[in-house]
Amino acid sequence: MKEYLYLFRGGDMSSFTEEERAQHMKKWENWIGTLAKEGKVVGGEPLGNESRCISGKKKVVTDGPFAESKELVGGYLIVKAENINEAAKMADGCPIYETGGVTEIRDIHHM
């Protein structure tokens, strides 16, 4: 099996009540839990808001990234799948789509 990275972008829960937010997070727990029981989850975590970007030959450090909220990466998950089509099918149940978010799927090449 190959490993694939899910990058979770966007998703707006700003209008959710505390109860709705808790219910939504339970959906994440259930979805990831199901994948884990199937032996498909390698690891993953939500990401915080604090970050720095390092760029260029002079290695300039800036606060950021400053992207539109719909483009911000809020978390990641590494999964095992036979191919990218299976990885995409496994992402069907991801709760991020309920909040307008996106799952980017990338294959991982080990060095």
PDB file of N, CA and C in Angstrom:
ATOM      1  N   MET A   1       0.839  -1.187   0.000  1.00  0.00           N
ATOM      2  CA  MET A   1       0.000   0.000   0.000  1.00  0.00           C
ATOM      3  C   MET A   1       0.879   1.243   0.000  1.00  0.00           C
ATOM      4  N   LYS A   2       0.363   2.292  -0.601  1.00  0.00           N
ATOM      5  CA  LYS A   2       1.061   3.564  -0.624  1.00  0.00           C
ATOM      6  C   LYS A   2       0.479   4.478   0.452  1.00  0.00           C
ATOM      7  N   GLU A   3       1.215   5.524   0.771  1.00  0.00           N
ATOM      8  CA  GLU A   3       0.718   6.516   1.723  1.00  0.00           C
ATOM      9  C   GLU A   3       0.326   7.780   0.976  1.00  0.00           C
ATOM     10  N   TYR A   4      -0.751   8.386   1.452  1.00  0.00           N
ATOM     11  CA  TYR A   4      -1.278   9.620   0.869  1.00  0.00           C
ATOM     12  C   TYR A   4      -1.514  10.636   1.977  1.00  0.00           C
ATOM     13  N   LEU A   5      -1.299  11.883   1.636  1.00  0.00           N
ATOM     14  CA  LEU A   5      -1.499  12.986   2.564  1.00  0.00           C
ATOM     15  C   LEU A   5      -2.789  13.707   2.208  1.00  0.00           C
ATOM     16  N   TYR A   6      -3.670  13.845   3.184  1.00  0.00           N
ATOM     17  CA  TYR A   6      -4.850  14.691   3.026  1.00  0.00           C
ATOM     18  C   TYR A   6      -4.507  16.031   3.667  1.00  0.00           C
ATOM     19  N   LEU A   7      -4.579  17.096   2.903  1.00  0.00           N
ATOM     20  CA  LEU A   7      -4.455  18.451   3.439  1.00  0.00           C
ATOM     21  C   LEU A   7      -5.851  19.044   3.474  1.00  0.00           C
ATOM     22  N   PHE A   8      -6.292  19.434   4.646  1.00  0.00           N
ATOM     23  CA  PHE A   8      -7.642  19.966   4.803  1.00  0.00           C
ATOM     24  C   PHE A   8      -7.581  21.491   4.728  1.00  0.00           C
ATOM     25  N   ARG A   9      -8.217  22.046   3.713  1.00  0.00           N
ATOM     26  CA  ARG A   9      -8.201  23.494   3.473  1.00  0.00           C
ATOM     27  C   ARG A   9      -9.593  24.081   3.696  1.00  0.00           C
ATOM     28  N   GLY A  10      -9.589  25.251   4.322  1.00  0.00           N
ATOM     29  CA  GLY A  10     -10.838  25.987   4.489  1.00  0.00           C
ATOM     30  C   GLY A  10     -11.787  25.305   5.446  1.00  0.00           C
ATOM     31  N   GLY A  11     -13.051  25.564   5.225  1.00  0.00           N
ATOM     32  CA  GLY A  11     -14.075  25.068   6.133  1.00  0.00           C
ATOM     33  C   GLY A  11     -14.402  26.152   7.141  1.00  0.00           C
ATOM     34  N   ASP A  12     -15.617  26.626   7.117  1.00  0.00           N
ATOM     35  CA  ASP A  12     -16.007  27.751   7.963  1.00  0.00           C
ATOM     36  C   ASP A  12     -17.022  27.314   9.008  1.00  0.00           C
ATOM     37  N   MET A  13     -16.593  27.306  10.263  1.00  0.00           N
ATOM     38  CA  MET A  13     -17.490  26.975  11.368  1.00  0.00           C
ATOM     39  C   MET A  13     -17.796  28.210  12.215  1.00  0.00           C
ATOM     40  N   SER A  14     -17.501  29.390  11.685  1.00  0.00           N
ATOM     41  CA  SER A  14     -17.656  30.618  12.477  1.00  0.00           C
ATOM     42  C   SER A  14     -19.100  30.877  12.897  1.00  0.00           C
ATOM     43  N   SER A  15     -20.063  30.383  12.137  1.00  0.00           N
ATOM     44  CA  SER A  15     -21.468  30.614  12.495  1.00  0.00           C
ATOM     45  C   SER A  15     -22.027  29.501  13.375  1.00  0.00           C
ATOM     46  N   PHE A  16     -21.232  28.474  13.675  1.00  0.00           N
ATOM     47  CA  PHE A  16     -21.690  27.350  14.480  1.00  0.00           C
ATOM     48  C   PHE A  16     -21.833  27.758  15.944  1.00  0.00           C
ATOM     49  N   THR A  17     -22.845  27.217  16.584  1.00  0.00           N
ATOM     50  CA  THR A  17     -22.941  27.332  18.036  1.00  0.00           C
ATOM     51  C   THR A  17     -21.930  26.358  18.633  1.00  0.00           C
ATOM     52  N   GLU A  18     -21.717  26.447  19.925  1.00  0.00           N
ATOM     53  CA  GLU A  18     -20.795  25.526  20.575  1.00  0.00           C
ATOM     54  C   GLU A  18     -21.266  24.078  20.409  1.00  0.00           C
ATOM     55  N   GLU A  19     -22.563  23.871  20.501  1.00  0.00           N
ATOM     56  CA  GLU A  19     -23.116  22.526  20.337  1.00  0.00           C
ATOM     57  C   GLU A  19     -22.922  22.025  18.900  1.00  0.00           C
ATOM     58  N   GLU A  20     -23.154  22.884  17.918  1.00  0.00           N
ATOM     59  CA  GLU A  20     -22.950  22.491  16.518  1.00  0.00           C
ATOM     60  C   GLU A  20     -21.479  22.182  16.243  1.00  0.00           C
ATOM     61  N   ARG A  21     -20.598  22.972  16.829  1.00  0.00           N
ATOM     62  CA  ARG A  21     -19.157  22.733  16.666  1.00  0.00           C
ATOM     63  C   ARG A  21     -18.778  21.367  17.264  1.00  0.00           C
ATOM     64  N   ALA A  22     -19.308  21.067  18.438  1.00  0.00           N
ATOM     65  CA  ALA A  22     -19.032  19.785  19.088  1.00  0.00           C
ATOM     66  C   ALA A  22     -19.566  18.626  18.252  1.00  0.00           C
ATOM     67  N   GLN A  23     -20.759  18.775  17.702  1.00  0.00           N
ATOM     68  CA  GLN A  23     -21.342  17.738  16.843  1.00  0.00           C
ATOM     69  C   GLN A  23     -20.495  17.538  15.589  1.00  0.00           C
ATOM     70  N   HIS A  24     -20.020  18.642  15.023  1.00  0.00           N
ATOM     71  CA  HIS A  24     -19.191  18.567  13.817  1.00  0.00           C
ATOM     72  C   HIS A  24     -17.868  17.860  14.127  1.00  0.00           C
ATOM     73  N   MET A  25     -17.262  18.197  15.256  1.00  0.00           N
ATOM     74  CA  MET A  25     -15.997  17.565  15.626  1.00  0.00           C
ATOM     75  C   MET A  25     -16.196  16.073  15.916  1.00  0.00           C
ATOM     76  N   LYS A  26     -17.369  15.706  16.415  1.00  0.00           N
ATOM     77  CA  LYS A  26     -17.684  14.284  16.630  1.00  0.00           C
ATOM     78  C   LYS A  26     -17.722  13.543  15.294  1.00  0.00           C
ATOM     79  N   LYS A  27     -18.220  14.215  14.254  1.00  0.00           N
ATOM     80  CA  LYS A  27     -18.230  13.606  12.919  1.00  0.00           C
ATOM     81  C   LYS A  27     -16.801  13.340  12.445  1.00  0.00           C
ATOM     82  N   TRP A  28     -15.888  14.285  12.717  1.00  0.00           N
ATOM     83  CA  TRP A  28     -14.473  14.087  12.369  1.00  0.00           C
ATOM     84  C   TRP A  28     -13.925  12.872  13.119  1.00  0.00           C
ATOM     85  N   GLU A  29     -14.215  12.815  14.411  1.00  0.00           N
ATOM     86  CA  GLU A  29     -13.732  11.707  15.245  1.00  0.00           C
ATOM     87  C   GLU A  29     -14.243  10.369  14.713  1.00  0.00           C
ATOM     88  N   ASN A  30     -15.508  10.323  14.334  1.00  0.00           N
ATOM     89  CA  ASN A  30     -16.099   9.086  13.824  1.00  0.00           C
ATOM     90  C   ASN A  30     -15.500   8.696  12.474  1.00  0.00           C
ATOM     91  N   TRP A  31     -15.330   9.669  11.581  1.00  0.00           N
ATOM     92  CA  TRP A  31     -14.785   9.393  10.247  1.00  0.00           C
ATOM     93  C   TRP A  31     -13.351   8.878  10.351  1.00  0.00           C
ATOM     94  N   ILE A  32     -12.527   9.583  11.124  1.00  0.00           N
ATOM     95  CA  ILE A  32     -11.131   9.156  11.283  1.00  0.00           C
ATOM     96  C   ILE A  32     -11.075   7.832  12.035  1.00  0.00           C
ATOM     97  N   GLY A  33     -11.938   7.654  13.019  1.00  0.00           N
ATOM     98  CA  GLY A  33     -11.984   6.406  13.768  1.00  0.00           C
ATOM     99  C   GLY A  33     -12.318   5.210  12.884  1.00  0.00           C
ATOM    100  N   THR A  34     -13.233   5.394  11.947  1.00  0.00           N
ATOM    101  CA  THR A  34     -13.587   4.323  11.013  1.00  0.00           C
ATOM    102  C   THR A  34     -12.396   3.959  10.142  1.00  0.00           C
ATOM    103  N   LEU A  35     -11.692   4.975   9.618  1.00  0.00           N
ATOM    104  CA  LEU A  35     -10.500   4.715   8.803  1.00  0.00           C
ATOM    105  C   LEU A  35      -9.423   4.012   9.636  1.00  0.00           C
ATOM    106  N   ALA A  36      -9.280   4.418  10.891  1.00  0.00           N
ATOM    107  CA  ALA A  36      -8.280   3.809  11.773  1.00  0.00           C
ATOM    108  C   ALA A  36      -8.597   2.331  12.026  1.00  0.00           C
ATOM    109  N   LYS A  37      -9.871   2.015  12.260  1.00  0.00           N
ATOM    110  CA  LYS A  37     -10.274   0.622  12.484  1.00  0.00           C
ATOM    111  C   LYS A  37      -9.983  -0.247  11.267  1.00  0.00           C
ATOM    112  N   GLU A  38     -10.019   0.369  10.077  1.00  0.00           N
ATOM    113  CA  GLU A  38      -9.721  -0.348   8.836  1.00  0.00           C
ATOM    114  C   GLU A  38      -8.215  -0.439   8.589  1.00  0.00           C
ATOM    115  N   GLY A  39      -7.420   0.131   9.505  1.00  0.00           N
ATOM    116  CA  GLY A  39      -5.968   0.097   9.349  1.00  0.00           C
ATOM    117  C   GLY A  39      -5.444   1.057   8.291  1.00  0.00           C
ATOM    118  N   LYS A  40      -6.210   2.097   7.990  1.00  0.00           N
ATOM    119  CA  LYS A  40      -5.854   3.030   6.913  1.00  0.00           C
ATOM    120  C   LYS A  40      -5.140   4.290   7.402  1.00  0.00           C
ATOM    121  N   VAL A  41      -5.203   4.597   8.700  1.00  0.00           N
ATOM    122  CA  VAL A  41      -4.635   5.844   9.215  1.00  0.00           C
ATOM    123  C   VAL A  41      -3.202   5.618   9.690  1.00  0.00           C
ATOM    124  N   VAL A  42      -2.300   6.463   9.198  1.00  0.00           N
ATOM    125  CA  VAL A  42      -0.913   6.458   9.647  1.00  0.00           C
ATOM    126  C   VAL A  42      -0.741   7.495  10.756  1.00  0.00           C
ATOM    127  N   GLY A  43      -1.331   8.661  10.576  1.00  0.00           N
ATOM    128  CA  GLY A  43      -1.254   9.724  11.570  1.00  0.00           C
ATOM    129  C   GLY A  43      -1.850  11.006  11.033  1.00  0.00           C
ATOM    130  N   GLY A  44      -1.946  12.003  11.882  1.00  0.00           N
ATOM    131  CA  GLY A  44      -2.480  13.291  11.473  1.00  0.00           C
ATOM    132  C   GLY A  44      -2.883  14.112  12.671  1.00  0.00           C
ATOM    133  N   GLU A  45      -3.001  15.397  12.460  1.00  0.00           N
ATOM    134  CA  GLU A  45      -3.356  16.314  13.547  1.00  0.00           C
ATOM    135  C   GLU A  45      -3.959  17.590  12.966  1.00  0.00           C
ATOM    136  N   PRO A  46      -4.759  18.299  13.760  1.00  0.00           N
ATOM    137  CA  PRO A  46      -5.153  19.656  13.373  1.00  0.00           C
ATOM    138  C   PRO A  46      -3.942  20.570  13.535  1.00  0.00           C
ATOM    139  N   LEU A  47      -3.937  21.670  12.828  1.00  0.00           N
ATOM    140  CA  LEU A  47      -2.835  22.629  12.911  1.00  0.00           C
ATOM    141  C   LEU A  47      -3.287  23.897  13.602  1.00  0.00           C
ATOM    142  N   GLY A  48      -2.397  24.503  14.365  1.00  0.00           N
ATOM    143  CA  GLY A  48      -2.682  25.761  15.051  1.00  0.00           C
ATOM    144  C   GLY A  48      -2.552  26.946  14.107  1.00  0.00           C
ATOM    145  N   ASN A  49      -2.756  28.123  14.635  1.00  0.00           N
ATOM    146  CA  ASN A  49      -2.719  29.344  13.826  1.00  0.00           C
ATOM    147  C   ASN A  49      -1.352  29.999  13.784  1.00  0.00           C
ATOM    148  N   GLU A  50      -0.464  29.652  14.724  1.00  0.00           N
ATOM    149  CA  GLU A  50       0.850  30.289  14.757  1.00  0.00           C
ATOM    150  C   GLU A  50       1.735  29.665  13.683  1.00  0.00           C
ATOM    151  N   SER A  51       2.383  30.522  12.882  1.00  0.00           N
ATOM    152  CA  SER A  51       3.234  29.993  11.820  1.00  0.00           C
ATOM    153  C   SER A  51       4.260  31.026  11.380  1.00  0.00           C
ATOM    154  N   ARG A  52       5.265  30.561  10.691  1.00  0.00           N
ATOM    155  CA  ARG A  52       6.276  31.409  10.065  1.00  0.00           C
ATOM    156  C   ARG A  52       6.545  30.843   8.691  1.00  0.00           C
ATOM    157  N   CYS A  53       6.874  31.729   7.757  1.00  0.00           N
ATOM    158  CA  CYS A  53       7.272  31.329   6.416  1.00  0.00           C
ATOM    159  C   CYS A  53       8.711  31.760   6.205  1.00  0.00           C
ATOM    160  N   ILE A  54       9.515  30.855   5.681  1.00  0.00           N
ATOM    161  CA  ILE A  54      10.920  31.144   5.388  1.00  0.00           C
ATOM    162  C   ILE A  54      11.072  31.041   3.878  1.00  0.00           C
ATOM    163  N   SER A  55      11.644  32.094   3.266  1.00  0.00           N
ATOM    164  CA  SER A  55      11.716  32.085   1.805  1.00  0.00           C
ATOM    165  C   SER A  55      12.985  32.748   1.280  1.00  0.00           C
ATOM    166  N   GLY A  56      13.323  32.359   0.064  1.00  0.00           N
ATOM    167  CA  GLY A  56      14.413  32.987  -0.665  1.00  0.00           C
ATOM    168  C   GLY A  56      15.796  32.590  -0.183  1.00  0.00           C
ATOM    169  N   LYS A  57      16.804  33.019  -0.963  1.00  0.00           N
ATOM    170  CA  LYS A  57      18.199  32.702  -0.645  1.00  0.00           C
ATOM    171  C   LYS A  57      18.636  33.320   0.672  1.00  0.00           C
ATOM    172  N   LYS A  58      18.020  34.439   1.026  1.00  0.00           N
ATOM    173  CA  LYS A  58      18.378  35.104   2.283  1.00  0.00           C
ATOM    174  C   LYS A  58      17.590  34.544   3.465  1.00  0.00           C
ATOM    175  N   LYS A  59      16.744  33.586   3.181  1.00  0.00           N
ATOM    176  CA  LYS A  59      15.942  32.906   4.203  1.00  0.00           C
ATOM    177  C   LYS A  59      15.174  33.898   5.078  1.00  0.00           C
ATOM    178  N   VAL A  60      14.424  34.748   4.414  1.00  0.00           N
ATOM    179  CA  VAL A  60      13.623  35.758   5.088  1.00  0.00           C
ATOM    180  C   VAL A  60      12.479  35.080   5.838  1.00  0.00           C
ATOM    181  N   VAL A  61      12.362  35.406   7.118  1.00  0.00           N
ATOM    182  CA  VAL A  61      11.317  34.829   7.959  1.00  0.00           C
ATOM    183  C   VAL A  61      10.209  35.869   8.130  1.00  0.00           C
ATOM    184  N   THR A  62       8.979  35.469   7.813  1.00  0.00           N
ATOM    185  CA  THR A  62       7.824  36.350   7.968  1.00  0.00           C
ATOM    186  C   THR A  62       6.724  35.602   8.699  1.00  0.00           C
ATOM    187  N   ASP A  63       5.825  36.367   9.315  1.00  0.00           N
ATOM    188  CA  ASP A  63       4.629  35.756   9.871  1.00  0.00           C
ATOM    189  C   ASP A  63       3.794  35.281   8.701  1.00  0.00           C
ATOM    190  N   GLY A  64       3.016  34.292   8.915  1.00  0.00           N
ATOM    191  CA  GLY A  64       2.154  33.832   7.836  1.00  0.00           C
ATOM    192  C   GLY A  64       1.881  32.359   8.003  1.00  0.00           C
ATOM    193  N   PRO A  65       1.303  31.707   7.047  1.00  0.00           N
ATOM    194  CA  PRO A  65       0.940  32.236   5.742  1.00  0.00           C
ATOM    195  C   PRO A  65      -0.293  33.124   5.826  1.00  0.00           C
ATOM    196  N   PHE A  66      -0.353  34.089   4.959  1.00  0.00           N
ATOM    197  CA  PHE A  66      -1.528  34.950   4.880  1.00  0.00           C
ATOM    198  C   PHE A  66      -2.253  34.641   3.586  1.00  0.00           C
ATOM    199  N   ALA A  67      -3.150  33.717   3.679  1.00  0.00           N
ATOM    200  CA  ALA A  67      -3.960  33.320   2.535  1.00  0.00           C
ATOM    201  C   ALA A  67      -5.411  33.580   2.887  1.00  0.00           C
ATOM    202  N   GLU A  68      -6.258  33.518   1.894  1.00  0.00           N
ATOM    203  CA  GLU A  68      -7.682  33.617   2.182  1.00  0.00           C
ATOM    204  C   GLU A  68      -8.060  32.440   3.074  1.00  0.00           C
ATOM    205  N   SER A  69      -9.034  32.647   3.941  1.00  0.00           N
ATOM    206  CA  SER A  69      -9.396  31.596   4.893  1.00  0.00           C
ATOM    207  C   SER A  69      -9.787  30.302   4.195  1.00  0.00           C
ATOM    208  N   LYS A  70     -10.355  30.397   2.991  1.00  0.00           N
ATOM    209  CA  LYS A  70     -10.736  29.181   2.273  1.00  0.00           C
ATOM    210  C   LYS A  70      -9.518  28.393   1.798  1.00  0.00           C
ATOM    211  N   GLU A  71      -8.333  29.009   1.837  1.00  0.00           N
ATOM    212  CA  GLU A  71      -7.115  28.350   1.383  1.00  0.00           C
ATOM    213  C   GLU A  71      -6.228  27.879   2.529  1.00  0.00           C
ATOM    214  N   LEU A  72      -6.536  28.285   3.757  1.00  0.00           N
ATOM    215  CA  LEU A  72      -5.696  27.919   4.894  1.00  0.00           C
ATOM    216  C   LEU A  72      -5.759  26.426   5.169  1.00  0.00           C
ATOM    217  N   VAL A  73      -4.610  25.846   5.452  1.00  0.00           N
ATOM    218  CA  VAL A  73      -4.540  24.436   5.807  1.00  0.00           C
ATOM    219  C   VAL A  73      -4.801  24.331   7.302  1.00  0.00           C
ATOM    220  N   GLY A  74      -5.867  23.620   7.661  1.00  0.00           N
ATOM    221  CA  GLY A  74      -6.246  23.507   9.059  1.00  0.00           C
ATOM    222  C   GLY A  74      -5.820  22.211   9.710  1.00  0.00           C
ATOM    223  N   GLY A  75      -5.356  21.262   8.897  1.00  0.00           N
ATOM    224  CA  GLY A  75      -4.928  19.992   9.444  1.00  0.00           C
ATOM    225  C   GLY A  75      -4.522  19.045   8.342  1.00  0.00           C
ATOM    226  N   TYR A  76      -4.057  17.880   8.760  1.00  0.00           N
ATOM    227  CA  TYR A  76      -3.619  16.875   7.793  1.00  0.00           C
ATOM    228  C   TYR A  76      -3.878  15.485   8.346  1.00  0.00           C
ATOM    229  N   LEU A  77      -3.915  14.532   7.452  1.00  0.00           N
ATOM    230  CA  LEU A  77      -4.058  13.137   7.806  1.00  0.00           C
ATOM    231  C   LEU A  77      -3.248  12.337   6.797  1.00  0.00           C
ATOM    232  N   ILE A  78      -2.508  11.354   7.262  1.00  0.00           N
ATOM    233  CA  ILE A  78      -1.776  10.457   6.367  1.00  0.00           C
ATOM    234  C   ILE A  78      -2.494   9.117   6.403  1.00  0.00           C
ATOM    235  N   VAL A  79      -2.841   8.634   5.214  1.00  0.00           N
ATOM    236  CA  VAL A  79      -3.584   7.380   5.110  1.00  0.00           C
ATOM    237  C   VAL A  79      -2.862   6.404   4.189  1.00  0.00           C
ATOM    238  N   LYS A  80      -3.237   5.136   4.302  1.00  0.00           N
ATOM    239  CA  LYS A  80      -2.737   4.090   3.414  1.00  0.00           C
ATOM    240  C   LYS A  80      -3.844   3.716   2.435  1.00  0.00           C
ATOM    241  N   ALA A  81      -3.474   3.577   1.162  1.00  0.00           N
ATOM    242  CA  ALA A  81      -4.432   3.159   0.140  1.00  0.00           C
ATOM    243  C   ALA A  81      -3.675   2.467  -0.986  1.00  0.00           C
ATOM    244  N   GLU A  82      -4.380   1.666  -1.754  1.00  0.00           N
ATOM    245  CA  GLU A  82      -3.760   0.969  -2.887  1.00  0.00           C
ATOM    246  C   GLU A  82      -3.333   1.950  -3.970  1.00  0.00           C
ATOM    247  N   ASN A  83      -4.151   3.005  -4.180  1.00  0.00           N
ATOM    248  CA  ASN A  83      -3.855   4.003  -5.214  1.00  0.00           C
ATOM    249  C   ASN A  83      -4.604   5.287  -4.889  1.00  0.00           C
ATOM    250  N   ILE A  84      -4.358   6.304  -5.692  1.00  0.00           N
ATOM    251  CA  ILE A  84      -4.966   7.616  -5.400  1.00  0.00           C
ATOM    252  C   ILE A  84      -6.490   7.585  -5.552  1.00  0.00           C
ATOM    253  N   ASN A  85      -6.999   6.712  -6.399  1.00  0.00           N
ATOM    254  CA  ASN A  85      -8.453   6.606  -6.541  1.00  0.00           C
ATOM    255  C   ASN A  85      -9.087   6.065  -5.264  1.00  0.00           C
ATOM    256  N   GLU A  86      -8.438   5.075  -4.639  1.00  0.00           N
ATOM    257  CA  GLU A  86      -8.945   4.575  -3.365  1.00  0.00           C
ATOM    258  C   GLU A  86      -8.835   5.650  -2.291  1.00  0.00           C
ATOM    259  N   ALA A  87      -7.720   6.395  -2.295  1.00  0.00           N
ATOM    260  CA  ALA A  87      -7.548   7.480  -1.319  1.00  0.00           C
ATOM    261  C   ALA A  87      -8.646   8.527  -1.478  1.00  0.00           C
ATOM    262  N   ALA A  88      -8.999   8.840  -2.710  1.00  0.00           N
ATOM    263  CA  ALA A  88     -10.070   9.816  -2.958  1.00  0.00           C
ATOM    264  C   ALA A  88     -11.412   9.265  -2.492  1.00  0.00           C
ATOM    265  N   LYS A  89     -11.665   8.002  -2.722  1.00  0.00           N
ATOM    266  CA  LYS A  89     -12.912   7.386  -2.282  1.00  0.00           C
ATOM    267  C   LYS A  89     -13.015   7.405  -0.756  1.00  0.00           C
ATOM    268  N   MET A  90     -11.895   7.145  -0.086  1.00  0.00           N
ATOM    269  CA  MET A  90     -11.884   7.159   1.383  1.00  0.00           C
ATOM    270  C   MET A  90     -12.180   8.554   1.925  1.00  0.00           C
ATOM    271  N   ALA A  91     -11.861   9.593   1.167  1.00  0.00           N
ATOM    272  CA  ALA A  91     -12.084  10.971   1.606  1.00  0.00           C
ATOM    273  C   ALA A  91     -13.538  11.406   1.442  1.00  0.00           C
ATOM    274  N   ASP A  92     -14.345  10.589   0.773  1.00  0.00           N
ATOM    275  CA  ASP A  92     -15.757  10.930   0.544  1.00  0.00           C
ATOM    276  C   ASP A  92     -16.495  11.297   1.825  1.00  0.00           C
ATOM    277  N   GLY A  93     -16.205  10.598   2.903  1.00  0.00           N
ATOM    278  CA  GLY A  93     -16.943  10.813   4.145  1.00  0.00           C
ATOM    279  C   GLY A  93     -16.415  11.920   5.032  1.00  0.00           C
ATOM    280  N   CYS A  94     -15.411  12.648   4.557  1.00  0.00           N
ATOM    281  CA  CYS A  94     -14.803  13.701   5.375  1.00  0.00           C
ATOM    282  C   CYS A  94     -15.805  14.814   5.683  1.00  0.00           C
ATOM    283  N   PRO A  95     -15.931  15.212   6.940  1.00  0.00           N
ATOM    284  CA  PRO A  95     -16.883  16.259   7.324  1.00  0.00           C
ATOM    285  C   PRO A  95     -16.527  17.664   6.820  1.00  0.00           C
ATOM    286  N   ILE A  96     -15.343  17.875   6.290  1.00  0.00           N
ATOM    287  CA  ILE A  96     -14.956  19.225   5.877  1.00  0.00           C
ATOM    288  C   ILE A  96     -15.852  19.772   4.769  1.00  0.00           C
ATOM    289  N   TYR A  97     -16.448  18.877   3.987  1.00  0.00           N
ATOM    290  CA  TYR A  97     -17.288  19.328   2.871  1.00  0.00           C
ATOM    291  C   TYR A  97     -18.561  20.007   3.365  1.00  0.00           C
ATOM    292  N   GLU A  98     -19.001  19.654   4.572  1.00  0.00           N
ATOM    293  CA  GLU A  98     -20.201  20.264   5.145  1.00  0.00           C
ATOM    294  C   GLU A  98     -19.996  21.747   5.456  1.00  0.00           C
ATOM    295  N   THR A  99     -18.741  22.167   5.572  1.00  0.00           N
ATOM    296  CA  THR A  99     -18.446  23.562   5.908  1.00  0.00           C
ATOM    297  C   THR A  99     -17.779  24.300   4.745  1.00  0.00           C
ATOM    298  N   GLY A 100     -17.863  23.723   3.543  1.00  0.00           N
ATOM    299  CA  GLY A 100     -17.304  24.378   2.357  1.00  0.00           C
ATOM    300  C   GLY A 100     -15.812  24.170   2.178  1.00  0.00           C
ATOM    301  N   GLY A 101     -15.230  23.230   2.902  1.00  0.00           N
ATOM    302  CA  GLY A 101     -13.794  22.996   2.821  1.00  0.00           C
ATOM    303  C   GLY A 101     -13.408  22.051   1.698  1.00  0.00           C
ATOM    304  N   VAL A 102     -12.104  21.867   1.567  1.00  0.00           N
ATOM    305  CA  VAL A 102     -11.517  21.077   0.491  1.00  0.00           C
ATOM    306  C   VAL A 102     -10.508  20.093   1.084  1.00  0.00           C
ATOM    307  N   THR A 103     -10.441  18.903   0.513  1.00  0.00           N
ATOM    308  CA  THR A 103      -9.395  17.956   0.845  1.00  0.00           C
ATOM    309  C   THR A 103      -8.479  17.821  -0.360  1.00  0.00           C
ATOM    310  N   GLU A 104      -7.221  18.197  -0.189  1.00  0.00           N
ATOM    311  CA  GLU A 104      -6.222  17.990  -1.227  1.00  0.00           C
ATOM    312  C   GLU A 104      -5.523  16.679  -0.912  1.00  0.00           C
ATOM    313  N   ILE A 105      -5.397  15.807  -1.900  1.00  0.00           N
ATOM    314  CA  ILE A 105      -4.782  14.506  -1.694  1.00  0.00           C
ATOM    315  C   ILE A 105      -3.480  14.452  -2.474  1.00  0.00           C
ATOM    316  N   ARG A 106      -2.392  14.144  -1.767  1.00  0.00           N
ATOM    317  CA  ARG A 106      -1.064  14.058  -2.390  1.00  0.00           C
ATOM    318  C   ARG A 106      -0.443  12.717  -2.063  1.00  0.00           C
ATOM    319  N   ASP A 107       0.216  12.123  -3.060  1.00  0.00           N
ATOM    320  CA  ASP A 107       0.940  10.885  -2.789  1.00  0.00           C
ATOM    321  C   ASP A 107       2.264  11.222  -2.124  1.00  0.00           C
ATOM    322  N   ILE A 108       2.674  10.352  -1.218  1.00  0.00           N
ATOM    323  CA  ILE A 108       3.907  10.566  -0.465  1.00  0.00           C
ATOM    324  C   ILE A 108       5.002   9.679  -1.053  1.00  0.00           C
ATOM    325  N   HIS A 109       6.118  10.290  -1.388  1.00  0.00           N
ATOM    326  CA  HIS A 109       7.280   9.559  -1.876  1.00  0.00           C
ATOM    327  C   HIS A 109       8.310   9.526  -0.770  1.00  0.00           C
ATOM    328  N   HIS A 110       8.629   8.354  -0.283  1.00  0.00           N
ATOM    329  CA  HIS A 110       9.610   8.211   0.785  1.00  0.00           C
ATOM    330  C   HIS A 110      11.014   8.248   0.200  1.00  0.00           C
ATOM    331  N   MET A 111      11.915   8.931   0.883  1.00  0.00           N
ATOM    332  CA  MET A 111      13.291   9.065   0.413  1.00  0.00           C
ATOM    333  C   MET A 111      14.187   8.087   1.136  1.00  0.00           C
TER     334      MET A 111
END
